[in-house]
C-alpha atoms as a PDB file:
ATOM      1  CA  UNK A   1      21.876   5.115  -8.075  1.00  0.00           C
ATOM      2  CA  UNK A   2      20.231   4.397  -4.710  1.00  0.00           C
ATOM      3  CA  UNK A   3      21.928   5.550  -1.513  1.00  0.00           C
ATOM      4  CA  UNK A   4      21.067   5.445   2.169  1.00  0.00           C
ATOM      5  CA  UNK A   5      21.288   8.772   3.962  1.00  0.00           C
ATOM      6  CA  UNK A   6      23.881   8.728   6.722  1.00  0.00           C
ATOM      7  CA  UNK A   7      25.443  11.335   8.986  1.00  0.00           C
ATOM      8  CA  UNK A   8      28.425  11.511   6.605  1.00  0.00           C
ATOM      9  CA  UNK A   9      26.180  12.764   3.786  1.00  0.00           C
ATOM     10  CA  UNK A  10      25.709  16.025   5.720  1.00  0.00           C
ATOM     11  CA  UNK A  11      28.639  17.566   3.890  1.00  0.00           C
ATOM     12  CA  UNK A  12      26.847  16.935   0.591  1.00  0.00           C
ATOM     13  CA  UNK A  13      23.255  17.610   1.704  1.00  0.00           C
ATOM     14  CA  UNK A  14      22.950  20.074   4.598  1.00  0.00           C
ATOM     15  CA  UNK A  15      20.785  19.111   7.583  1.00  0.00           C
ATOM     16  CA  UNK A  16      18.425  22.072   7.045  1.00  0.00           C
ATOM     17  CA  UNK A  17      17.800  20.981   3.450  1.00  0.00           C
ATOM     18  CA  UNK A  18      17.287  17.371   4.499  1.00  0.00           C
ATOM     19  CA  UNK A  19      14.822  18.515   7.158  1.00  0.00           C
ATOM     20  CA  UNK A  20      12.823  20.659   4.696  1.00  0.00           C
ATOM     21  CA  UNK A  21      12.655  17.748   2.251  1.00  0.00           C
ATOM     22  CA  UNK A  22      11.553  15.385   5.018  1.00  0.00           C
ATOM     23  CA  UNK A  23      14.606  13.139   4.694  1.00  0.00           C
ATOM     24  CA  UNK A  24      15.863  11.314   7.768  1.00  0.00           C
ATOM     25  CA  UNK A  25      19.032   9.398   8.462  1.00  0.00           C
ATOM     26  CA  UNK A  26      18.549   5.857   7.186  1.00  0.00           C
ATOM     27  CA  UNK A  27      16.120   6.817   4.394  1.00  0.00           C
ATOM     28  CA  UNK A  28      16.908   5.496   0.946  1.00  0.00           C
ATOM     29  CA  UNK A  29      16.952   7.978  -1.912  1.00  0.00           C
ATOM     30  CA  UNK A  30      17.424   7.695  -5.646  1.00  0.00           C
ATOM     31  CA  UNK A  31      20.086  10.040  -7.041  1.00  0.00           C
ATOM     32  CA  UNK A  32      19.711  10.875 -10.742  1.00  0.00           C
ATOM     33  CA  UNK A  33      21.531  13.326 -13.012  1.00  0.00           C
ATOM     34  CA  UNK A  34      19.789  14.985 -15.916  1.00  0.00           C
ATOM     35  CA  UNK A  35      21.284  17.795 -17.995  1.00  0.00           C
ATOM     36  CA  UNK A  36      23.793  18.773 -15.329  1.00  0.00           C
ATOM     37  CA  UNK A  37      21.152  18.825 -12.565  1.00  0.00           C
ATOM     38  CA  UNK A  38      21.201  16.290  -9.742  1.00  0.00           C
ATOM     39  CA  UNK A  39      17.791  15.082  -8.563  1.00  0.00           C
ATOM     40  CA  UNK A  40      17.399  13.425  -5.148  1.00  0.00           C
ATOM     41  CA  UNK A  41      14.132  11.495  -4.987  1.00  0.00           C
ATOM     42  CA  UNK A  42      12.862   9.567  -1.946  1.00  0.00           C
ATOM     43  CA  UNK A  43      12.625   5.869  -2.662  1.00  0.00           C
ATOM     44  CA  UNK A  44       9.333   4.429  -1.388  1.00  0.00           C
ATOM     45  CA  UNK A  45       9.634   1.253   0.679  1.00  0.00           C
ATOM     46  CA  UNK A  46       9.014  -1.981  -1.158  1.00  0.00           C
ATOM     47  CA  UNK A  47       5.726  -3.721  -0.364  1.00  0.00           C
ATOM     48  CA  UNK A  48       7.656  -6.494   1.390  1.00  0.00           C
ATOM     49  CA  UNK A  49       9.208  -3.951   3.788  1.00  0.00           C
ATOM     50  CA  UNK A  50       5.787  -2.697   4.873  1.00  0.00           C
ATOM     51  CA  UNK A  51       4.905  -5.733   7.028  1.00  0.00           C
ATOM     52  CA  UNK A  52       6.784  -8.077   9.325  1.00  0.00           C
ATOM     53  CA  UNK A  53       7.159 -11.682   8.136  1.00  0.00           C
ATOM     54  CA  UNK A  54       4.475 -12.758  10.655  1.00  0.00           C
ATOM     55  CA  UNK A  55       2.041 -10.114   9.373  1.00  0.00           C
ATOM     56  CA  UNK A  56       2.798 -11.052   5.753  1.00  0.00           C
ATOM     57  CA  UNK A  57       2.072 -14.733   6.543  1.00  0.00           C
ATOM     58  CA  UNK A  58      -1.352 -13.825   8.028  1.00  0.00           C
ATOM     59  CA  UNK A  59      -2.211 -11.560   5.083  1.00  0.00           C
ATOM     60  CA  UNK A  60      -1.193 -14.201   2.524  1.00  0.00           C
ATOM     61  CA  UNK A  61      -3.302 -16.828   4.332  1.00  0.00           C
ATOM     62  CA  UNK A  62      -6.356 -14.536   4.349  1.00  0.00           C
ATOM     63  CA  UNK A  63      -5.940 -13.762   0.646  1.00  0.00           C
ATOM     64  CA  UNK A  64      -5.629 -17.475  -0.149  1.00  0.00           C
ATOM     65  CA  UNK A  65      -8.777 -18.199   1.890  1.00  0.00           C
ATOM     66  CA  UNK A  66     -10.726 -15.488   0.047  1.00  0.00           C
ATOM     67  CA  UNK A  67      -9.602 -16.761  -3.348  1.00  0.00           C
ATOM     68  CA  UNK A  68     -10.576 -20.304  -2.337  1.00  0.00           C
ATOM     69  CA  UNK A  69     -14.049 -19.040  -1.343  1.00  0.00           C
ATOM     70  CA  UNK A  70     -14.403 -17.412  -4.766  1.00  0.00           C
ATOM     71  CA  UNK A  71     -13.310 -20.573  -6.582  1.00  0.00           C
ATOM     72  CA  UNK A  72     -15.801 -22.699  -4.606  1.00  0.00           C
ATOM     73  CA  UNK A  73     -18.638 -20.242  -5.186  1.00  0.00           C
ATOM     74  CA  UNK A  74     -18.985 -19.206  -1.544  1.00  0.00           C
ATOM     75  CA  UNK A  75     -19.857 -15.608  -2.342  1.00  0.00           C
ATOM     76  CA  UNK A  76     -22.971 -13.513  -1.918  1.00  0.00           C
ATOM     77  CA  UNK A  77     -24.747 -12.490  -5.109  1.00  0.00           C
ATOM     78  CA  UNK A  78     -27.338 -10.479  -3.234  1.00  0.00           C
ATOM     79  CA  UNK A  79     -26.970  -7.151  -5.031  1.00  0.00           C
ATOM     80  CA  UNK A  80     -26.760  -6.292  -8.699  1.00  0.00           C
ATOM     81  CA  UNK A  81     -24.978  -2.966  -8.150  1.00  0.00           C
ATOM     82  CA  UNK A  82     -22.937  -1.174  -5.538  1.00  0.00           C
ATOM     83  CA  UNK A  83     -25.682   1.445  -5.294  1.00  0.00           C
ATOM     84  CA  UNK A  84     -28.197  -1.264  -4.357  1.00  0.00           C
ATOM     85  CA  UNK A  85     -25.857  -2.557  -1.661  1.00  0.00           C
ATOM     86  CA  UNK A  86     -25.239   0.936  -0.247  1.00  0.00           C
ATOM     87  CA  UNK A  87     -28.968   1.716  -0.231  1.00  0.00           C
ATOM     88  CA  UNK A  88     -29.568  -1.496   1.710  1.00  0.00           C
ATOM     89  CA  UNK A  89     -26.849  -0.649   4.228  1.00  0.00           C
ATOM     90  CA  UNK A  90     -28.209   2.875   4.729  1.00  0.00           C
ATOM     91  CA  UNK A  91     -31.789   1.667   5.232  1.00  0.00           C
ATOM     92  CA  UNK A  92     -30.742  -0.719   8.003  1.00  0.00           C
ATOM     93  CA  UNK A  93     -33.355  -3.256   6.869  1.00  0.00           C
ATOM     94  CA  UNK A  94     -32.530  -6.857   6.161  1.00  0.00           C
ATOM     95  CA  UNK A  95     -33.344  -7.918   2.621  1.00  0.00           C
ATOM     96  CA  UNK A  96     -34.581 -11.339   1.611  1.00  0.00           C
ATOM     97  CA  UNK A  97     -32.039 -13.670   0.083  1.00  0.00           C
ATOM     98  CA  UNK A  98     -32.117 -13.708  -3.664  1.00  0.00           C
ATOM     99  CA  UNK A  99     -32.774 -16.998  -5.423  1.00  0.00           C
ATOM    100  CA  UNK A 100     -29.816 -18.446  -7.327  1.00  0.00           C
ATOM    101  CA  UNK A 101     -30.206 -18.373 -11.069  1.00  0.00           C
END
């Protein structure tokens, strides 16, 4: 069962205990019973709750643009390995463009 912590829950879960666990009023927690023991587990926010609708729209548009670039072949095939790319970045030198195969 999922519940939202409110001021009324203080009688069940003392403030000092909530503070030590890092729970705040308004947090959602999952309450589970197992073998006569009650477990209270913080419920992580859903990915959709992490961003505002405006931010989500921008992120979705950027992802769609990147996927479109991949589909149309607009990607760099300059390096064969990550190590080669990192070595190039660390050297600070520009490398010649590789011929398409």
